[in-house]
C-alpha atoms as a PDB file:
ATOM      1  CA  UNK A   1       0.000   0.000   0.000  1.00  0.00           C
ATOM      2  CA  UNK A   2       1.103   3.583  -0.428  1.00  0.00           C
ATOM      3  CA  UNK A   3       0.569   6.341   2.120  1.00  0.00           C
ATOM      4  CA  UNK A   4      -1.923   6.028   4.980  1.00  0.00           C
ATOM      5  CA  UNK A   5      -5.424   5.701   3.680  1.00  0.00           C
ATOM      6  CA  UNK A   6      -4.509   5.959   0.000  1.00  0.00           C
ATOM      7  CA  UNK A   7      -5.164   3.438  -2.726  1.00  0.00           C
ATOM      8  CA  UNK A   8      -2.233   1.334  -3.961  1.00  0.00           C
ATOM      9  CA  UNK A   9      -0.225   2.887  -6.766  1.00  0.00           C
ATOM     10  CA  UNK A  10      -0.754   1.376 -10.200  1.00  0.00           C
ATOM     11  CA  UNK A  11       1.535  -1.607 -10.549  1.00  0.00           C
ATOM     12  CA  UNK A  12       2.169  -1.826  -6.799  1.00  0.00           C
ATOM     13  CA  UNK A  13      -0.717  -4.221  -6.233  1.00  0.00           C
ATOM     14  CA  UNK A  14      -3.620  -5.597  -8.261  1.00  0.00           C
ATOM     15  CA  UNK A  15      -6.611  -3.350  -8.812  1.00  0.00           C
ATOM     16  CA  UNK A  16      -9.513  -3.956  -6.454  1.00  0.00           C
ATOM     17  CA  UNK A  17     -12.968  -2.803  -7.560  1.00  0.00           C
ATOM     18  CA  UNK A  18     -14.894  -0.208  -5.603  1.00  0.00           C
ATOM     19  CA  UNK A  19     -16.323  -2.149  -2.660  1.00  0.00           C
ATOM     20  CA  UNK A  20     -18.496   0.574  -1.190  1.00  0.00           C
ATOM     21  CA  UNK A  21     -21.592  -0.975   0.381  1.00  0.00           C
ATOM     22  CA  UNK A  22     -20.135  -4.494   0.439  1.00  0.00           C
ATOM     23  CA  UNK A  23     -19.332  -6.482   3.580  1.00  0.00           C
ATOM     24  CA  UNK A  24     -16.520  -8.968   4.063  1.00  0.00           C
ATOM     25  CA  UNK A  25     -15.887 -11.335   6.956  1.00  0.00           C
ATOM     26  CA  UNK A  26     -12.244 -12.346   7.438  1.00  0.00           C
ATOM     27  CA  UNK A  27     -11.447 -15.072   9.924  1.00  0.00           C
ATOM     28  CA  UNK A  28      -8.090 -14.644  11.611  1.00  0.00           C
ATOM     29  CA  UNK A  29      -8.023 -11.024  10.502  1.00  0.00           C
ATOM     30  CA  UNK A  30      -5.913  -9.791  13.409  1.00  0.00           C
ATOM     31  CA  UNK A  31      -2.566 -10.602  11.800  1.00  0.00           C
ATOM     32  CA  UNK A  32      -0.709 -11.971   8.811  1.00  0.00           C
ATOM     33  CA  UNK A  33      -2.627 -12.627   5.618  1.00  0.00           C
ATOM     34  CA  UNK A  34      -5.979 -11.983   7.269  1.00  0.00           C
ATOM     35  CA  UNK A  35      -4.987  -8.550   8.491  1.00  0.00           C
ATOM     36  CA  UNK A  36      -3.663  -7.550   5.077  1.00  0.00           C
ATOM     37  CA  UNK A  37      -6.780  -8.842   3.327  1.00  0.00           C
ATOM     38  CA  UNK A  38      -8.872  -6.740   5.696  1.00  0.00           C
ATOM     39  CA  UNK A  39      -6.789  -3.615   5.090  1.00  0.00           C
ATOM     40  CA  UNK A  40      -6.940  -4.057   1.314  1.00  0.00           C
ATOM     41  CA  UNK A  41     -10.710  -4.591   1.382  1.00  0.00           C
ATOM     42  CA  UNK A  42     -11.220  -1.567   3.639  1.00  0.00           C
ATOM     43  CA  UNK A  43      -8.991   0.602   1.417  1.00  0.00           C
ATOM     44  CA  UNK A  44     -11.324  -0.198  -1.479  1.00  0.00           C
ATOM     45  CA  UNK A  45     -14.347   0.921   0.537  1.00  0.00           C
ATOM     46  CA  UNK A  46     -15.523  -2.420   1.885  1.00  0.00           C
ATOM     47  CA  UNK A  47     -16.932  -2.977   5.355  1.00  0.00           C
ATOM     48  CA  UNK A  48     -14.735  -5.505   7.169  1.00  0.00           C
ATOM     49  CA  UNK A  49     -15.640  -7.844  10.004  1.00  0.00           C
ATOM     50  CA  UNK A  50     -12.611  -9.363  11.702  1.00  0.00           C
ATOM     51  CA  UNK A  51     -13.597 -12.704  13.227  1.00  0.00           C
ATOM     52  CA  UNK A  52     -10.823 -13.923  15.483  1.00  0.00           C
ATOM     53  CA  UNK A  53     -10.021 -15.434  18.857  1.00  0.00           C
ATOM     54  CA  UNK A  54      -8.246 -12.691  20.807  1.00  0.00           C
ATOM     55  CA  UNK A  55     -10.035  -9.371  21.557  1.00  0.00           C
ATOM     56  CA  UNK A  56      -6.752  -7.626  22.442  1.00  0.00           C
ATOM     57  CA  UNK A  57      -5.300  -8.537  19.054  1.00  0.00           C
ATOM     58  CA  UNK A  58      -8.589  -7.531  17.497  1.00  0.00           C
ATOM     59  CA  UNK A  59      -8.378  -4.076  19.052  1.00  0.00           C
ATOM     60  CA  UNK A  60      -4.808  -3.643  17.781  1.00  0.00           C
ATOM     61  CA  UNK A  61      -5.829  -4.709  14.276  1.00  0.00           C
ATOM     62  CA  UNK A  62      -8.717  -2.235  14.269  1.00  0.00           C
ATOM     63  CA  UNK A  63      -6.420   0.599  15.424  1.00  0.00           C
ATOM     64  CA  UNK A  64      -4.041  -0.216  12.597  1.00  0.00           C
ATOM     65  CA  UNK A  65      -6.858  -0.337  10.059  1.00  0.00           C
ATOM     66  CA  UNK A  66      -8.220   3.029  11.191  1.00  0.00           C
ATOM     67  CA  UNK A  67      -4.708   4.494  11.072  1.00  0.00           C
ATOM     68  CA  UNK A  68      -3.853   3.311   7.571  1.00  0.00           C
ATOM     69  CA  UNK A  69      -7.359   3.577   6.103  1.00  0.00           C
ATOM     70  CA  UNK A  70      -8.970   6.693   7.607  1.00  0.00           C
ATOM     71  CA  UNK A  71     -12.717   6.285   7.731  1.00  0.00           C
ATOM     72  CA  UNK A  72     -12.499   2.498   7.517  1.00  0.00           C
ATOM     73  CA  UNK A  73     -15.652   0.619   8.451  1.00  0.00           C
ATOM     74  CA  UNK A  74     -14.443  -2.321  10.516  1.00  0.00           C
ATOM     75  CA  UNK A  75     -15.512  -4.285  13.573  1.00  0.00           C
ATOM     76  CA  UNK A  76     -14.470  -7.337  15.587  1.00  0.00           C
ATOM     77  CA  UNK A  77     -16.394 -10.527  16.361  1.00  0.00           C
ATOM     78  CA  UNK A  78     -14.903 -13.117  18.666  1.00  0.00           C
ATOM     79  CA  UNK A  79     -14.406 -16.504  17.015  1.00  0.00           C
ATOM     80  CA  UNK A  80     -12.290 -19.377  18.319  1.00  0.00           C
ATOM     81  CA  UNK A  81     -12.246 -21.957  15.536  1.00  0.00           C
ATOM     82  CA  UNK A  82     -10.719 -24.526  17.877  1.00  0.00           C
ATOM     83  CA  UNK A  83     -13.861 -24.479  20.043  1.00  0.00           C
ATOM     84  CA  UNK A  84     -17.133 -25.576  18.444  1.00  0.00           C
ATOM     85  CA  UNK A  85     -19.201 -23.718  21.044  1.00  0.00           C
ATOM     86  CA  UNK A  86     -17.444 -20.475  20.099  1.00  0.00           C
ATOM     87  CA  UNK A  87     -17.975 -21.316  16.430  1.00  0.00           C
ATOM     88  CA  UNK A  88     -21.716 -21.690  17.044  1.00  0.00           C
ATOM     89  CA  UNK A  89     -21.934 -18.345  18.864  1.00  0.00           C
ATOM     90  CA  UNK A  90     -19.922 -16.490  16.223  1.00  0.00           C
ATOM     91  CA  UNK A  91     -21.860 -18.093  13.371  1.00  0.00           C
ATOM     92  CA  UNK A  92     -25.134 -16.867  14.876  1.00  0.00           C
ATOM     93  CA  UNK A  93     -23.765 -13.317  15.243  1.00  0.00           C
ATOM     94  CA  UNK A  94     -22.286 -13.239  11.755  1.00  0.00           C
ATOM     95  CA  UNK A  95     -25.347 -14.788  10.108  1.00  0.00           C
ATOM     96  CA  UNK A  96     -27.411 -11.893  11.465  1.00  0.00           C
ATOM     97  CA  UNK A  97     -25.468  -9.355   9.388  1.00  0.00           C
ATOM     98  CA  UNK A  98     -27.662  -7.751   6.691  1.00  0.00           C
ATOM     99  CA  UNK A  99     -25.316  -8.944   3.957  1.00  0.00           C
ATOM    100  CA  UNK A 100     -22.017 -10.751   3.525  1.00  0.00           C
ATOM    101  CA  UNK A 101     -20.473 -10.430   0.091  1.00  0.00           C
ATOM    102  CA  UNK A 102     -17.600 -12.758   0.922  1.00  0.00           C
ATOM    103  CA  UNK A 103     -16.508 -14.927   3.815  1.00  0.00           C
ATOM    104  CA  UNK A 104     -12.728 -15.338   3.711  1.00  0.00           C
ATOM    105  CA  UNK A 105     -11.949 -18.451   5.764  1.00  0.00           C
ATOM    106  CA  UNK A 106      -8.335 -17.498   6.398  1.00  0.00           C
ATOM    107  CA  UNK A 107      -7.525 -18.379  10.012  1.00  0.00           C
ATOM    108  CA  UNK A 108      -5.225 -21.288  10.727  1.00  0.00           C
ATOM    109  CA  UNK A 109      -2.500 -22.677  12.960  1.00  0.00           C
ATOM    110  CA  UNK A 110       0.755 -24.542  12.425  1.00  0.00           C
ATOM    111  CA  UNK A 111       1.594 -26.466  15.599  1.00  0.00           C
ATOM    112  CA  UNK A 112       5.238 -26.560  16.611  1.00  0.00           C
ATOM    113  CA  UNK A 113       5.195 -28.445  19.916  1.00  0.00           C
ATOM    114  CA  UNK A 114       4.034 -31.895  18.936  1.00  0.00           C
ATOM    115  CA  UNK A 115       0.492 -33.205  18.753  1.00  0.00           C
ATOM    116  CA  UNK A 116      -1.996 -30.964  20.538  1.00  0.00           C
ATOM    117  CA  UNK A 117      -5.764 -31.157  20.823  1.00  0.00           C
ATOM    118  CA  UNK A 118      -8.627 -28.671  20.794  1.00  0.00           C
ATOM    119  CA  UNK A 119     -11.208 -28.399  23.607  1.00  0.00           C
ATOM    120  CA  UNK A 120     -13.377 -30.754  21.536  1.00  0.00           C
ATOM    121  CA  UNK A 121     -10.602 -33.343  21.376  1.00  0.00           C
ATOM    122  CA  UNK A 122      -9.548 -32.816  17.757  1.00  0.00           C
ATOM    123  CA  UNK A 123      -5.923 -32.647  16.643  1.00  0.00           C
ATOM    124  CA  UNK A 124      -5.323 -28.875  16.705  1.00  0.00           C
ATOM    125  CA  UNK A 125      -4.484 -28.238  13.035  1.00  0.00           C
ATOM    126  CA  UNK A 126      -7.259 -30.451  11.652  1.00  0.00           C
ATOM    127  CA  UNK A 127      -9.613 -29.096  14.304  1.00  0.00           C
ATOM    128  CA  UNK A 128      -8.872 -25.417  13.671  1.00  0.00           C
ATOM    129  CA  UNK A 129      -7.925 -25.150  10.012  1.00  0.00           C
ATOM    130  CA  UNK A 130     -10.465 -27.620   8.665  1.00  0.00           C
ATOM    131  CA  UNK A 131     -13.189 -28.673  11.112  1.00  0.00           C
ATOM    132  CA  UNK A 132     -13.651 -25.249  12.698  1.00  0.00           C
ATOM    133  CA  UNK A 133     -14.199 -23.588   9.337  1.00  0.00           C
ATOM    134  CA  UNK A 134     -16.363 -26.489   8.145  1.00  0.00           C
ATOM    135  CA  UNK A 135     -18.646 -25.964  11.145  1.00  0.00           C
ATOM    136  CA  UNK A 136     -18.666 -22.176  10.788  1.00  0.00           C
ATOM    137  CA  UNK A 137     -19.568 -22.232   7.103  1.00  0.00           C
ATOM    138  CA  UNK A 138     -22.163 -24.950   7.607  1.00  0.00           C
ATOM    139  CA  UNK A 139     -23.895 -22.988  10.350  1.00  0.00           C
ATOM    140  CA  UNK A 140     -23.826 -19.760   8.344  1.00  0.00           C
ATOM    141  CA  UNK A 141     -24.782 -21.260   4.989  1.00  0.00           C
ATOM    142  CA  UNK A 142     -28.596 -21.121   5.334  1.00  0.00           C
ATOM    143  CA  UNK A 143     -28.409 -17.379   6.017  1.00  0.00           C
ATOM    144  CA  UNK A 144     -25.832 -16.835   3.266  1.00  0.00           C
ATOM    145  CA  UNK A 145     -28.075 -18.555   0.722  1.00  0.00           C
ATOM    146  CA  UNK A 146     -31.027 -16.347   1.672  1.00  0.00           C
ATOM    147  CA  UNK A 147     -29.138 -13.086   1.139  1.00  0.00           C
ATOM    148  CA  UNK A 148     -29.889 -10.746  -1.761  1.00  0.00           C
ATOM    149  CA  UNK A 149     -26.235 -11.004  -2.874  1.00  0.00           C
ATOM    150  CA  UNK A 150     -24.307 -13.937  -4.313  1.00  0.00           C
ATOM    151  CA  UNK A 151     -21.872 -14.651  -1.496  1.00  0.00           C
ATOM    152  CA  UNK A 152     -18.382 -15.954  -2.186  1.00  0.00           C
ATOM    153  CA  UNK A 153     -16.753 -18.303   0.306  1.00  0.00           C
ATOM    154  CA  UNK A 154     -12.970 -18.226  -0.011  1.00  0.00           C
ATOM    155  CA  UNK A 155     -10.950 -20.998   1.636  1.00  0.00           C
ATOM    156  CA  UNK A 156      -7.250 -20.590   2.403  1.00  0.00           C
ATOM    157  CA  UNK A 157      -5.285 -23.333   0.697  1.00  0.00           C
ATOM    158  CA  UNK A 158      -1.553 -23.927   0.608  1.00  0.00           C
ATOM    159  CA  UNK A 159       1.253 -25.094  -1.646  1.00  0.00           C
ATOM    160  CA  UNK A 160       1.809 -27.752   1.022  1.00  0.00           C
ATOM    161  CA  UNK A 161      -1.199 -29.663  -0.330  1.00  0.00           C
ATOM    162  CA  UNK A 162       1.063 -30.799  -3.176  1.00  0.00           C
ATOM    163  CA  UNK A 163       3.282 -32.851  -0.867  1.00  0.00           C
ATOM    164  CA  UNK A 164       0.747 -35.057   0.919  1.00  0.00           C
ATOM    165  CA  UNK A 165      -2.361 -37.183   0.516  1.00  0.00           C
ATOM    166  CA  UNK A 166      -5.210 -37.427   2.990  1.00  0.00           C
ATOM    167  CA  UNK A 167      -5.320 -40.415   5.323  1.00  0.00           C
ATOM    168  CA  UNK A 168      -9.040 -40.764   5.919  1.00  0.00           C
ATOM    169  CA  UNK A 169      -8.415 -43.687   8.271  1.00  0.00           C
ATOM    170  CA  UNK A 170      -6.339 -41.413  10.532  1.00  0.00           C
ATOM    171  CA  UNK A 171      -7.673 -37.921   9.914  1.00  0.00           C
ATOM    172  CA  UNK A 172      -6.773 -36.885  13.460  1.00  0.00           C
ATOM    173  CA  UNK A 173      -3.104 -37.968  13.140  1.00  0.00           C
ATOM    174  CA  UNK A 174      -3.522 -40.055  16.290  1.00  0.00           C
ATOM    175  CA  UNK A 175      -1.500 -43.093  15.251  1.00  0.00           C
ATOM    176  CA  UNK A 176       2.117 -43.493  14.238  1.00  0.00           C
ATOM    177  CA  UNK A 177       4.796 -40.831  14.460  1.00  0.00           C
ATOM    178  CA  UNK A 178       3.368 -37.319  14.572  1.00  0.00           C
ATOM    179  CA  UNK A 179       4.888 -34.943  12.034  1.00  0.00           C
ATOM    180  CA  UNK A 180       3.832 -31.321  12.265  1.00  0.00           C
ATOM    181  CA  UNK A 181       4.300 -30.268   8.648  1.00  0.00           C
ATOM    182  CA  UNK A 182       2.666 -33.408   7.281  1.00  0.00           C
ATOM    183  CA  UNK A 183      -0.370 -32.879   9.497  1.00  0.00           C
ATOM    184  CA  UNK A 184      -0.488 -29.201   8.543  1.00  0.00           C
ATOM    185  CA  UNK A 185      -0.288 -30.074   4.849  1.00  0.00           C
ATOM    186  CA  UNK A 186      -3.060 -32.596   5.228  1.00  0.00           C
ATOM    187  CA  UNK A 187      -5.207 -30.081   7.083  1.00  0.00           C
ATOM    188  CA  UNK A 188      -4.824 -27.628   4.187  1.00  0.00           C
ATOM    189  CA  UNK A 189      -5.528 -30.357   1.661  1.00  0.00           C
ATOM    190  CA  UNK A 190      -8.700 -31.146   3.615  1.00  0.00           C
ATOM    191  CA  UNK A 191      -9.646 -27.451   3.476  1.00  0.00           C
ATOM    192  CA  UNK A 192      -9.106 -27.360  -0.282  1.00  0.00           C
ATOM    193  CA  UNK A 193     -10.894 -30.636  -0.955  1.00  0.00           C
ATOM    194  CA  UNK A 194     -13.942 -29.560   1.024  1.00  0.00           C
ATOM    195  CA  UNK A 195     -13.835 -26.097  -0.567  1.00  0.00           C
ATOM    196  CA  UNK A 196     -13.987 -27.511  -4.085  1.00  0.00           C
ATOM    197  CA  UNK A 197     -16.611 -30.040  -2.964  1.00  0.00           C
ATOM    198  CA  UNK A 198     -18.728 -27.262  -1.470  1.00  0.00           C
ATOM    199  CA  UNK A 199     -18.790 -25.494  -4.815  1.00  0.00           C
ATOM    200  CA  UNK A 200     -19.772 -28.719  -6.578  1.00  0.00           C
ATOM    201  CA  UNK A 201     -22.680 -29.154  -4.157  1.00  0.00           C
ATOM    202  CA  UNK A 202     -23.720 -25.516  -4.456  1.00  0.00           C
ATOM    203  CA  UNK A 203     -23.877 -25.943  -8.244  1.00  0.00           C
ATOM    204  CA  UNK A 204     -26.006 -29.080  -7.851  1.00  0.00           C
ATOM    205  CA  UNK A 205     -28.359 -27.089  -5.626  1.00  0.00           C
ATOM    206  CA  UNK A 206     -28.587 -24.266  -8.148  1.00  0.00           C
ATOM    207  CA  UNK A 207     -27.353 -21.829  -5.501  1.00  0.00           C
ATOM    208  CA  UNK A 208     -25.989 -18.400  -6.366  1.00  0.00           C
ATOM    209  CA  UNK A 209     -23.242 -18.625  -3.741  1.00  0.00           C
ATOM    210  CA  UNK A 210     -19.788 -19.728  -4.888  1.00  0.00           C
ATOM    211  CA  UNK A 211     -16.920 -21.493  -3.138  1.00  0.00           C
ATOM    212  CA  UNK A 212     -13.329 -20.744  -4.168  1.00  0.00           C
ATOM    213  CA  UNK A 213      -9.881 -21.594  -2.838  1.00  0.00           C
ATOM    214  CA  UNK A 214      -6.859 -19.284  -2.726  1.00  0.00           C
ATOM    215  CA  UNK A 215      -3.300 -19.580  -1.481  1.00  0.00           C
ATOM    216  CA  UNK A 216      -0.609 -16.978  -0.666  1.00  0.00           C
ATOM    217  CA  UNK A 217       2.451 -18.606  -2.153  1.00  0.00           C
ATOM    218  CA  UNK A 218       5.529 -18.213  -0.003  1.00  0.00           C
ATOM    219  CA  UNK A 219       4.718 -15.068   1.965  1.00  0.00           C
ATOM    220  CA  UNK A 220       6.564 -13.758   5.005  1.00  0.00           C
ATOM    221  CA  UNK A 221       6.168 -10.925   7.501  1.00  0.00           C
ATOM    222  CA  UNK A 222       9.735  -9.807   6.893  1.00  0.00           C
ATOM    223  CA  UNK A 223       8.893  -8.454   3.410  1.00  0.00           C
ATOM    224  CA  UNK A 224       5.621  -6.734   4.357  1.00  0.00           C
ATOM    225  CA  UNK A 225       5.269  -3.079   5.384  1.00  0.00           C
ATOM    226  CA  UNK A 226       5.331  -2.458   9.113  1.00  0.00           C
ATOM    227  CA  UNK A 227       2.053  -2.560  11.019  1.00  0.00           C
ATOM    228  CA  UNK A 228       1.439  -2.142  14.770  1.00  0.00           C
ATOM    229  CA  UNK A 229      -0.505  -5.347  15.301  1.00  0.00           C
ATOM    230  CA  UNK A 230      -0.220  -8.224  17.772  1.00  0.00           C
ATOM    231  CA  UNK A 231       1.862 -10.255  17.964  1.00  0.00           C
ATOM    232  CA  UNK A 232       4.511  -7.960  16.518  1.00  0.00           C
ATOM    233  CA  UNK A 233       5.282  -9.181  12.976  1.00  0.00           C
ATOM    234  CA  UNK A 234       8.712 -10.673  12.404  1.00  0.00           C
ATOM    235  CA  UNK A 235      11.449  -8.433  11.033  1.00  0.00           C
ATOM    236  CA  UNK A 236      14.860  -9.224   9.560  1.00  0.00           C
ATOM    237  CA  UNK A 237      18.070  -7.407   8.585  1.00  0.00           C
ATOM    238  CA  UNK A 238      18.493  -6.201   5.003  1.00  0.00           C
ATOM    239  CA  UNK A 239      20.615  -9.170   3.805  1.00  0.00           C
ATOM    240  CA  UNK A 240      17.945 -11.623   4.955  1.00  0.00           C
ATOM    241  CA  UNK A 241      15.196  -9.635   3.264  1.00  0.00           C
ATOM    242  CA  UNK A 242      17.223  -9.556   0.066  1.00  0.00           C
ATOM    243  CA  UNK A 243      17.580 -13.343   0.159  1.00  0.00           C
ATOM    244  CA  UNK A 244      13.857 -13.773   0.803  1.00  0.00           C
ATOM    245  CA  UNK A 245      12.935 -11.619  -2.209  1.00  0.00           C
ATOM    246  CA  UNK A 246      14.343 -14.215  -4.587  1.00  0.00           C
ATOM    247  CA  UNK A 247      11.619 -16.729  -3.711  1.00  0.00           C
ATOM    248  CA  UNK A 248       9.126 -15.027  -1.412  1.00  0.00           C
ATOM    249  CA  UNK A 249       6.882 -12.009  -1.028  1.00  0.00           C
ATOM    250  CA  UNK A 250       5.407 -10.044   1.851  1.00  0.00           C
ATOM    251  CA  UNK A 251       2.206 -11.138   3.517  1.00  0.00           C
ATOM    252  CA  UNK A 252       0.588  -8.048   2.058  1.00  0.00           C
ATOM    253  CA  UNK A 253       1.219  -9.520  -1.406  1.00  0.00           C
ATOM    254  CA  UNK A 254       0.291 -12.980  -0.142  1.00  0.00           C
ATOM    255  CA  UNK A 255      -3.177 -11.639   0.643  1.00  0.00           C
ATOM    256  CA  UNK A 256      -3.756 -10.546  -2.969  1.00  0.00           C
ATOM    257  CA  UNK A 257      -5.081 -13.933  -4.172  1.00  0.00           C
ATOM    258  CA  UNK A 258      -7.560 -14.059  -1.276  1.00  0.00           C
ATOM    259  CA  UNK A 259      -8.819 -10.579  -2.060  1.00  0.00           C
ATOM    260  CA  UNK A 260      -8.956 -11.331  -5.792  1.00  0.00           C
ATOM    261  CA  UNK A 261     -10.972 -14.502  -5.213  1.00  0.00           C
ATOM    262  CA  UNK A 262     -13.363 -12.502  -3.045  1.00  0.00           C
ATOM    263  CA  UNK A 263     -13.743  -9.456  -5.288  1.00  0.00           C
ATOM    264  CA  UNK A 264     -12.505  -9.943  -8.858  1.00  0.00           C
ATOM    265  CA  UNK A 265     -15.471  -9.545 -11.228  1.00  0.00           C
ATOM    266  CA  UNK A 266     -14.222 -12.497 -13.280  1.00  0.00           C
ATOM    267  CA  UNK A 267     -13.739 -14.901 -10.382  1.00  0.00           C
ATOM    268  CA  UNK A 268     -16.005 -17.954 -10.331  1.00  0.00           C
ATOM    269  CA  UNK A 269     -16.838 -20.870  -8.103  1.00  0.00           C
ATOM    270  CA  UNK A 270     -14.424 -23.789  -8.095  1.00  0.00           C
ATOM    271  CA  UNK A 271     -11.422 -21.666  -9.022  1.00  0.00           C
ATOM    272  CA  UNK A 272      -8.048 -21.847  -7.291  1.00  0.00           C
ATOM    273  CA  UNK A 273      -6.267 -18.507  -6.993  1.00  0.00           C
ATOM    274  CA  UNK A 274      -2.586 -18.027  -6.188  1.00  0.00           C
ATOM    275  CA  UNK A 275       0.547 -16.144  -7.205  1.00  0.00           C
ATOM    276  CA  UNK A 276       1.287 -16.318 -10.935  1.00  0.00           C
ATOM    277  CA  UNK A 277       5.075 -16.530 -10.637  1.00  0.00           C
ATOM    278  CA  UNK A 278       7.511 -19.454 -10.605  1.00  0.00           C
ATOM    279  CA  UNK A 279       6.046 -22.483  -8.833  1.00  0.00           C
ATOM    280  CA  UNK A 280       3.313 -20.205  -7.468  1.00  0.00           C
ATOM    281  CA  UNK A 281       5.689 -18.852  -4.816  1.00  0.00           C
ATOM    282  CA  UNK A 282       5.197 -15.155  -5.560  1.00  0.00           C
ATOM    283  CA  UNK A 283       3.638 -12.807  -8.069  1.00  0.00           C
ATOM    284  CA  UNK A 284       0.368 -11.182  -8.971  1.00  0.00           C
ATOM    285  CA  UNK A 285      -2.810 -13.200  -8.365  1.00  0.00           C
ATOM    286  CA  UNK A 286      -4.190 -15.481 -11.041  1.00  0.00           C
ATOM    287  CA  UNK A 287      -6.212 -18.657 -11.421  1.00  0.00           C
ATOM    288  CA  UNK A 288      -3.678 -21.463 -10.923  1.00  0.00           C
ATOM    289  CA  UNK A 289      -3.647 -25.256 -10.898  1.00  0.00           C
ATOM    290  CA  UNK A 290      -4.261 -27.461  -7.868  1.00  0.00           C
ATOM    291  CA  UNK A 291      -3.447 -31.157  -7.644  1.00  0.00           C
ATOM    292  CA  UNK A 292      -6.191 -33.237  -9.238  1.00  0.00           C
ATOM    293  CA  UNK A 293      -6.733 -35.258  -6.080  1.00  0.00           C
ATOM    294  CA  UNK A 294      -7.824 -32.070  -4.274  1.00  0.00           C
ATOM    295  CA  UNK A 295     -10.826 -32.023  -6.618  1.00  0.00           C
ATOM    296  CA  UNK A 296     -11.682 -35.736  -6.500  1.00  0.00           C
ATOM    297  CA  UNK A 297     -15.301 -36.286  -5.337  1.00  0.00           C
ATOM    298  CA  UNK A 298     -14.421 -39.868  -4.415  1.00  0.00           C
ATOM    299  CA  UNK A 299     -12.117 -38.447  -1.749  1.00  0.00           C
ATOM    300  CA  UNK A 300     -14.294 -35.450  -0.912  1.00  0.00           C
ATOM    301  CA  UNK A 301     -17.426 -37.440  -0.085  1.00  0.00           C
ATOM    302  CA  UNK A 302     -15.975 -39.524   2.778  1.00  0.00           C
ATOM    303  CA  UNK A 303     -14.034 -36.486   4.029  1.00  0.00           C
ATOM    304  CA  UNK A 304     -17.265 -34.479   4.061  1.00  0.00           C
ATOM    305  CA  UNK A 305     -19.108 -37.263   5.885  1.00  0.00           C
ATOM    306  CA  UNK A 306     -16.334 -37.434   8.488  1.00  0.00           C
ATOM    307  CA  UNK A 307     -16.456 -33.660   9.015  1.00  0.00           C
ATOM    308  CA  UNK A 308     -20.219 -33.704   9.495  1.00  0.00           C
ATOM    309  CA  UNK A 309     -19.921 -36.580  11.976  1.00  0.00           C
ATOM    310  CA  UNK A 310     -17.115 -34.957  13.965  1.00  0.00           C
ATOM    311  CA  UNK A 311     -18.607 -31.452  14.124  1.00  0.00           C
ATOM    312  CA  UNK A 312     -22.270 -32.369  14.305  1.00  0.00           C
ATOM    313  CA  UNK A 313     -22.929 -29.774  11.587  1.00  0.00           C
ATOM    314  CA  UNK A 314     -24.713 -30.940   8.459  1.00  0.00           C
ATOM    315  CA  UNK A 315     -25.166 -29.110   5.165  1.00  0.00           C
ATOM    316  CA  UNK A 316     -28.562 -29.216   3.465  1.00  0.00           C
ATOM    317  CA  UNK A 317     -27.037 -29.651   0.010  1.00  0.00           C
ATOM    318  CA  UNK A 318     -27.234 -32.424  -2.569  1.00  0.00           C
ATOM    319  CA  UNK A 319     -24.206 -34.714  -2.762  1.00  0.00           C
END
């Protein structure tokens, strides 16, 4: 972004249409990709609802938004995706909004201290990244389908989906040696698979809503402009930033595909958005390719059934 409250300079970031009068919910919008998506949406005139776990971080994110986008219309709703009771409360509050033009299901965790569980007993990455969003979207969907606008649901995917396959017999990573990155990659693959499956089911139902998936490439705090949010974003000396630039981009740029999937007039259900550069690591947003198995209904159906069983949330959509 350029100066406080101004639109991005031409060529600095992709054009975002005028979003005046439109409302966007961003889960995990207190930091990282979610914060930047919220700032970019607000800078284009959109109303932003940050749905996240920590009110203190939410207050810091709102202060930053108001500072860099004077006159921004933004608010905070508490949502802990690791706790299904919190998901139910937040879903009810969000579903009562007059309109939601896009729900950006961005929030996620990458565990670094071995296998952990949520209050509901789920492995933390599967429980938060996948099951929490599955329950949130499922609870909100009836209201979203009744809105006067064609809502877009944007799921946050990851390049890591290319390295793993789902193990539907051990979705919770409860047997064998626990490997953090493998479980994270599988959680993102589950998010992508269910996101593409949701769009397939929405099409079968003749619904106007659309489900898309987007990923940020290799994006890091160290290359993003400074923002006073919590926790304090990582910084690095100039030589490290120079090395990063060869293969990475800032989290502000990493948010571009999410915002494009949510707002681009040409975006459509079932698409996968990501950086257009080498190996999708960095670059301007474009429709990119996902692994074919992420779109396989034969895998999506049992995954979907498992998610409904585990969360207790069912979708009234044809399969």
